[in-house]
């Protein structure tokens, strides 16, 4: 996390489109972007707390571009959609990695069978 924050903070992102950051993104807590995950394709997802209502949101970017894309959903949902092959790092970013990830239906109520 520290190296990601350092690398992004050292970059000139003043012209970057970043929802909620009119003068470019700010990295690190408490009001900045907090690194959550990165991919082998150079994409990054950050969590940020909305100062207005305290809700978390996800801001994702391709490391080669300056634009950040906002996803207002829990991280678990964002990750599920990414693993299922949806565009979760901006338009045209979908990729599906078939592999060791298995999606299972889990019990929804006490006494339900898995």
N, C-alpha and C. Protein backbone atom coordinates (compact mmCIF):
# COMPACT_ATOMS: atom_id res chain seq x y z
N UNK A 1 0.83 -1.19 0.00
CA UNK A 1 0.00 0.00 0.00
C UNK A 1 0.86 1.25 0.00
N UNK A 2 1.89 1.22 0.82
CA UNK A 2 2.74 2.40 0.95
C UNK A 2 3.44 2.73 -0.38
N UNK A 3 3.92 1.72 -1.08
CA UNK A 3 4.60 1.98 -2.35
C UNK A 3 3.62 2.46 -3.43
N UNK A 4 2.39 1.94 -3.42
CA UNK A 4 1.39 2.40 -4.38
C UNK A 4 1.02 3.86 -4.12
N UNK A 5 0.77 4.20 -2.86
CA UNK A 5 0.47 5.59 -2.50
C UNK A 5 1.63 6.49 -2.89
N UNK A 6 2.86 6.06 -2.62
CA UNK A 6 4.04 6.85 -2.97
C UNK A 6 4.17 7.07 -4.47
N UNK A 7 3.96 6.01 -5.24
CA UNK A 7 4.09 6.12 -6.70
C UNK A 7 3.02 7.03 -7.29
N UNK A 8 1.79 6.88 -6.85
CA UNK A 8 0.71 7.73 -7.38
C UNK A 8 0.86 9.17 -6.90
N UNK A 9 1.28 9.36 -5.66
CA UNK A 9 1.45 10.72 -5.12
C UNK A 9 2.56 11.47 -5.86
N UNK A 10 3.57 10.75 -6.33
CA UNK A 10 4.68 11.38 -7.04
C UNK A 10 4.33 11.72 -8.49
N UNK A 11 3.23 11.18 -8.99
CA UNK A 11 2.81 11.44 -10.37
C UNK A 11 2.02 12.74 -10.46
N UNK A 12 2.15 13.43 -11.59
CA UNK A 12 1.35 14.64 -11.81
C UNK A 12 -0.01 14.22 -12.36
N UNK A 13 -1.00 14.17 -11.49
CA UNK A 13 -2.35 13.80 -11.88
C UNK A 13 -3.31 14.97 -11.74
N UNK A 14 -2.79 16.19 -11.83
CA UNK A 14 -3.63 17.38 -11.67
C UNK A 14 -4.68 17.50 -12.78
N UNK A 15 -4.42 16.91 -13.95
CA UNK A 15 -5.38 16.94 -15.05
C UNK A 15 -6.27 15.70 -15.09
N UNK A 16 -6.09 14.81 -14.14
CA UNK A 16 -6.87 13.56 -14.13
C UNK A 16 -8.33 13.84 -13.79
N UNK A 17 -9.21 13.10 -14.46
CA UNK A 17 -10.63 13.16 -14.10
C UNK A 17 -10.84 12.13 -12.99
N UNK A 18 -11.17 12.63 -11.81
CA UNK A 18 -11.33 11.76 -10.65
C UNK A 18 -12.54 12.25 -9.85
N UNK A 19 -13.66 11.51 -9.93
CA UNK A 19 -14.89 11.94 -9.25
C UNK A 19 -14.67 12.24 -7.76
N UNK A 20 -15.08 13.45 -7.38
CA UNK A 20 -14.94 13.87 -5.99
C UNK A 20 -13.64 14.59 -5.68
N UNK A 21 -12.74 14.68 -6.66
CA UNK A 21 -11.45 15.34 -6.49
C UNK A 21 -11.24 16.32 -7.64
N UNK A 22 -11.79 17.55 -7.53
CA UNK A 22 -11.74 18.49 -8.65
C UNK A 22 -10.33 18.94 -9.04
N UNK A 23 -9.37 18.83 -8.12
CA UNK A 23 -7.99 19.27 -8.41
C UNK A 23 -7.05 18.09 -8.56
N UNK A 24 -7.59 16.94 -8.89
CA UNK A 24 -6.78 15.73 -9.03
C UNK A 24 -6.87 14.90 -7.77
N UNK A 25 -6.62 13.62 -7.89
CA UNK A 25 -6.77 12.70 -6.75
C UNK A 25 -5.74 12.94 -5.66
N UNK A 26 -6.16 12.64 -4.46
CA UNK A 26 -5.30 12.69 -3.27
C UNK A 26 -5.22 11.26 -2.76
N UNK A 27 -4.05 10.81 -2.38
CA UNK A 27 -3.88 9.42 -1.98
C UNK A 27 -3.57 9.31 -0.49
N UNK A 28 -4.04 8.24 0.10
CA UNK A 28 -3.83 7.97 1.52
C UNK A 28 -5.00 8.44 2.34
N UNK A 29 -5.10 7.91 3.53
CA UNK A 29 -6.22 8.20 4.44
C UNK A 29 -5.99 9.55 5.09
N UNK A 30 -6.99 10.17 5.69
CA UNK A 30 -8.35 9.69 5.85
C UNK A 30 -9.29 10.11 4.72
N UNK A 31 -8.99 11.17 3.97
CA UNK A 31 -9.92 11.63 2.93
C UNK A 31 -9.45 11.29 1.53
N UNK A 32 -8.34 10.57 1.41
CA UNK A 32 -7.80 10.27 0.10
C UNK A 32 -8.11 8.86 -0.35
N UNK A 33 -7.58 8.50 -1.50
CA UNK A 33 -7.78 7.18 -2.07
C UNK A 33 -6.88 6.16 -1.38
N UNK A 34 -7.47 5.04 -0.99
CA UNK A 34 -6.74 3.99 -0.29
C UNK A 34 -6.62 2.79 -1.23
N UNK A 35 -5.40 2.35 -1.55
CA UNK A 35 -5.25 1.22 -2.47
C UNK A 35 -5.90 -0.04 -1.92
N UNK A 36 -6.68 -0.71 -2.78
CA UNK A 36 -7.33 -1.96 -2.39
C UNK A 36 -6.72 -3.14 -3.15
N UNK A 37 -6.69 -3.06 -4.46
CA UNK A 37 -6.14 -4.14 -5.29
C UNK A 37 -5.51 -3.56 -6.55
N UNK A 38 -4.63 -4.35 -7.14
CA UNK A 38 -4.11 -4.03 -8.47
C UNK A 38 -4.05 -5.32 -9.26
N UNK A 39 -3.97 -5.20 -10.57
CA UNK A 39 -3.99 -6.37 -11.43
C UNK A 39 -2.65 -6.55 -12.13
N UNK A 40 -2.51 -7.69 -12.79
CA UNK A 40 -1.31 -7.95 -13.58
C UNK A 40 -1.31 -7.16 -14.89
N UNK A 41 -2.39 -6.41 -15.15
CA UNK A 41 -2.48 -5.57 -16.34
C UNK A 41 -2.23 -4.10 -16.02
N UNK A 42 -1.84 -3.79 -14.78
CA UNK A 42 -1.53 -2.41 -14.42
C UNK A 42 -2.73 -1.57 -14.05
N UNK A 43 -3.81 -2.22 -13.62
CA UNK A 43 -5.01 -1.49 -13.20
C UNK A 43 -5.00 -1.42 -11.67
N UNK A 44 -5.65 -0.38 -11.15
CA UNK A 44 -5.69 -0.18 -9.70
C UNK A 44 -7.11 0.17 -9.26
N UNK A 45 -7.50 -0.35 -8.11
CA UNK A 45 -8.77 0.01 -7.50
C UNK A 45 -8.49 0.59 -6.12
N UNK A 46 -9.14 1.70 -5.83
CA UNK A 46 -8.96 2.41 -4.57
C UNK A 46 -10.30 2.55 -3.87
N UNK A 47 -10.28 2.52 -2.57
CA UNK A 47 -11.46 2.83 -1.78
C UNK A 47 -11.35 4.26 -1.29
N UNK A 48 -12.48 4.93 -1.18
CA UNK A 48 -12.50 6.29 -0.66
C UNK A 48 -13.82 6.49 0.08
N UNK A 49 -13.73 7.21 1.19
CA UNK A 49 -14.93 7.49 1.98
C UNK A 49 -15.51 8.81 1.50
N UNK A 50 -16.79 8.79 1.16
CA UNK A 50 -17.48 10.00 0.73
C UNK A 50 -17.67 10.89 1.95
N UNK A 51 -17.10 12.08 1.92
CA UNK A 51 -17.18 12.97 3.08
C UNK A 51 -18.60 13.42 3.38
N UNK A 52 -19.45 13.45 2.37
CA UNK A 52 -20.83 13.92 2.56
C UNK A 52 -21.66 12.95 3.39
N UNK A 53 -21.57 11.65 3.06
CA UNK A 53 -22.43 10.69 3.77
C UNK A 53 -21.68 9.55 4.46
N UNK A 54 -20.36 9.52 4.35
CA UNK A 54 -19.57 8.49 5.01
C UNK A 54 -19.59 7.15 4.31
N UNK A 55 -20.22 7.05 3.14
CA UNK A 55 -20.29 5.79 2.40
C UNK A 55 -18.99 5.56 1.63
N UNK A 56 -18.62 4.30 1.51
CA UNK A 56 -17.45 3.94 0.72
C UNK A 56 -17.83 3.86 -0.75
N UNK A 57 -16.87 4.19 -1.59
CA UNK A 57 -17.04 4.01 -3.03
C UNK A 57 -15.71 3.53 -3.59
N UNK A 58 -15.75 2.99 -4.76
CA UNK A 58 -14.56 2.46 -5.42
C UNK A 58 -14.21 3.38 -6.58
N UNK A 59 -12.94 3.76 -6.67
CA UNK A 59 -12.43 4.49 -7.82
C UNK A 59 -11.37 3.62 -8.45
N UNK A 60 -11.52 3.33 -9.74
CA UNK A 60 -10.62 2.43 -10.43
C UNK A 60 -9.99 3.13 -11.62
N UNK A 61 -8.77 2.72 -11.94
CA UNK A 61 -8.08 3.33 -13.08
C UNK A 61 -7.15 2.31 -13.72
N UNK A 62 -6.85 2.58 -14.98
CA UNK A 62 -5.83 1.86 -15.70
C UNK A 62 -4.55 2.65 -15.45
N UNK A 63 -3.49 2.01 -15.03
CA UNK A 63 -2.25 2.69 -14.69
C UNK A 63 -1.66 3.51 -15.82
N UNK A 64 -2.07 3.23 -17.08
CA UNK A 64 -1.54 3.97 -18.22
C UNK A 64 -2.36 5.22 -18.55
N UNK A 65 -3.51 5.39 -17.91
CA UNK A 65 -4.38 6.52 -18.18
C UNK A 65 -4.60 7.32 -16.91
N UNK A 66 -5.02 8.56 -17.05
CA UNK A 66 -5.23 9.41 -15.89
C UNK A 66 -6.66 9.41 -15.38
N UNK A 67 -7.59 8.82 -16.11
CA UNK A 67 -8.99 8.87 -15.71
C UNK A 67 -9.32 7.80 -14.67
N UNK A 68 -10.11 8.20 -13.70
CA UNK A 68 -10.60 7.28 -12.67
C UNK A 68 -12.10 7.10 -12.89
N UNK A 69 -12.58 5.89 -12.67
CA UNK A 69 -13.99 5.56 -12.85
C UNK A 69 -14.58 5.19 -11.49
N UNK A 70 -15.74 5.74 -11.22
CA UNK A 70 -16.39 5.57 -9.93
C UNK A 70 -17.40 4.42 -9.96
N UNK A 71 -17.37 3.62 -8.91
CA UNK A 71 -18.33 2.53 -8.73
C UNK A 71 -18.89 2.64 -7.32
N UNK A 72 -20.17 2.97 -7.23
CA UNK A 72 -20.83 3.11 -5.93
C UNK A 72 -21.49 1.78 -5.57
N UNK A 73 -20.69 0.91 -4.99
CA UNK A 73 -21.15 -0.40 -4.57
C UNK A 73 -20.14 -0.94 -3.56
N UNK A 74 -20.54 -1.92 -2.78
CA UNK A 74 -19.58 -2.52 -1.85
C UNK A 74 -18.42 -3.17 -2.61
N UNK A 75 -17.27 -3.24 -1.97
CA UNK A 75 -16.10 -3.83 -2.61
C UNK A 75 -16.36 -5.28 -3.02
N UNK A 76 -17.07 -6.04 -2.20
CA UNK A 76 -17.35 -7.44 -2.53
C UNK A 76 -18.11 -7.55 -3.85
N UNK A 77 -19.07 -6.67 -4.07
CA UNK A 77 -19.81 -6.69 -5.33
C UNK A 77 -18.91 -6.28 -6.49
N UNK A 78 -18.10 -5.25 -6.29
CA UNK A 78 -17.17 -4.81 -7.33
C UNK A 78 -16.23 -5.96 -7.72
N UNK A 79 -15.67 -6.64 -6.72
CA UNK A 79 -14.75 -7.74 -6.98
C UNK A 79 -15.44 -8.88 -7.71
N UNK A 80 -16.65 -9.21 -7.30
CA UNK A 80 -17.43 -10.26 -7.97
C UNK A 80 -17.61 -9.92 -9.45
N UNK A 81 -18.00 -8.69 -9.71
CA UNK A 81 -18.23 -8.27 -11.11
C UNK A 81 -16.93 -8.32 -11.91
N UNK A 82 -15.84 -7.91 -11.30
CA UNK A 82 -14.53 -7.98 -11.99
C UNK A 82 -14.20 -9.43 -12.33
N UNK A 83 -14.33 -10.32 -11.36
CA UNK A 83 -14.00 -11.74 -11.58
C UNK A 83 -14.94 -12.40 -12.58
N UNK A 84 -16.16 -11.87 -12.69
CA UNK A 84 -17.13 -12.41 -13.64
C UNK A 84 -16.91 -11.87 -15.06
N UNK A 85 -15.98 -10.93 -15.23
CA UNK A 85 -15.64 -10.43 -16.55
C UNK A 85 -16.33 -9.16 -16.97
N UNK A 86 -16.80 -8.33 -16.03
CA UNK A 86 -17.44 -7.06 -16.38
C UNK A 86 -16.40 -5.93 -16.44
N UNK A 87 -16.79 -4.82 -17.07
CA UNK A 87 -15.93 -3.63 -17.17
C UNK A 87 -15.86 -2.95 -15.80
N UNK A 88 -14.82 -3.22 -15.03
CA UNK A 88 -14.73 -2.64 -13.69
C UNK A 88 -13.54 -1.70 -13.53
N UNK A 89 -12.84 -1.42 -14.63
CA UNK A 89 -11.77 -0.43 -14.61
C UNK A 89 -12.02 0.61 -15.69
N UNK A 90 -13.28 0.79 -16.05
CA UNK A 90 -13.65 1.74 -17.09
C UNK A 90 -14.15 1.01 -18.32
N UNK A 91 -14.66 1.76 -19.30
CA UNK A 91 -15.21 1.18 -20.53
C UNK A 91 -14.18 0.33 -21.27
N UNK A 92 -14.59 -0.85 -21.71
CA UNK A 92 -13.71 -1.71 -22.49
C UNK A 92 -12.63 -2.41 -21.68
N UNK A 93 -12.76 -2.45 -20.37
CA UNK A 93 -11.70 -3.03 -19.54
C UNK A 93 -11.97 -4.47 -19.13
N UNK A 94 -13.07 -5.03 -19.59
CA UNK A 94 -13.46 -6.38 -19.15
C UNK A 94 -12.42 -7.42 -19.56
N UNK A 95 -12.20 -8.34 -18.66
CA UNK A 95 -11.35 -9.49 -18.92
C UNK A 95 -11.87 -10.62 -18.03
N UNK A 96 -11.87 -11.81 -18.57
CA UNK A 96 -12.33 -12.95 -17.78
C UNK A 96 -11.18 -13.92 -17.67
N UNK A 97 -10.78 -14.22 -16.45
CA UNK A 97 -9.74 -15.19 -16.19
C UNK A 97 -10.37 -16.49 -15.71
N UNK A 98 -10.54 -17.47 -16.57
CA UNK A 98 -11.04 -18.74 -16.05
C UNK A 98 -9.95 -19.34 -15.17
N UNK A 99 -10.33 -19.81 -14.06
CA UNK A 99 -9.30 -20.33 -13.19
C UNK A 99 -9.84 -20.87 -11.89
N UNK A 100 -9.08 -20.70 -10.84
CA UNK A 100 -9.42 -21.36 -9.57
C UNK A 100 -10.56 -20.70 -8.80
N UNK A 101 -11.13 -19.62 -9.31
CA UNK A 101 -12.22 -18.96 -8.61
C UNK A 101 -13.51 -19.71 -8.92
N UNK A 102 -14.22 -20.11 -7.88
CA UNK A 102 -15.48 -20.82 -8.05
C UNK A 102 -16.57 -20.02 -7.37
N UNK A 103 -17.64 -19.71 -8.10
CA UNK A 103 -18.78 -19.01 -7.52
C UNK A 103 -19.78 -20.04 -7.04
N UNK A 104 -20.20 -19.92 -5.79
CA UNK A 104 -21.16 -20.84 -5.21
C UNK A 104 -22.31 -20.06 -4.61
N UNK A 105 -23.49 -20.64 -4.65
CA UNK A 105 -24.63 -20.05 -3.96
C UNK A 105 -24.50 -20.39 -2.48
N UNK A 106 -24.59 -19.41 -1.65
CA UNK A 106 -24.46 -19.62 -0.22
C UNK A 106 -25.84 -19.55 0.43
N UNK A 107 -25.99 -20.17 1.59
CA UNK A 107 -27.29 -20.11 2.28
C UNK A 107 -27.69 -18.66 2.53
N UNK A 108 -28.97 -18.38 2.34
CA UNK A 108 -29.46 -17.03 2.52
C UNK A 108 -30.18 -16.83 3.85
N UNK A 109 -30.53 -17.93 4.49
CA UNK A 109 -31.24 -17.84 5.76
C UNK A 109 -30.82 -19.02 6.63
N UNK A 110 -31.02 -18.90 7.93
CA UNK A 110 -30.70 -19.98 8.85
C UNK A 110 -31.45 -21.24 8.45
N UNK A 111 -30.77 -22.36 8.37
CA UNK A 111 -31.38 -23.62 8.01
C UNK A 111 -31.35 -23.95 6.54
N UNK A 112 -31.00 -22.97 5.66
CA UNK A 112 -30.88 -23.26 4.24
C UNK A 112 -29.68 -24.15 3.98
N UNK A 113 -29.81 -25.03 3.02
CA UNK A 113 -28.70 -25.90 2.62
C UNK A 113 -27.79 -25.16 1.65
N UNK A 114 -26.49 -25.33 1.77
CA UNK A 114 -25.59 -24.69 0.79
C UNK A 114 -25.70 -25.34 -0.57
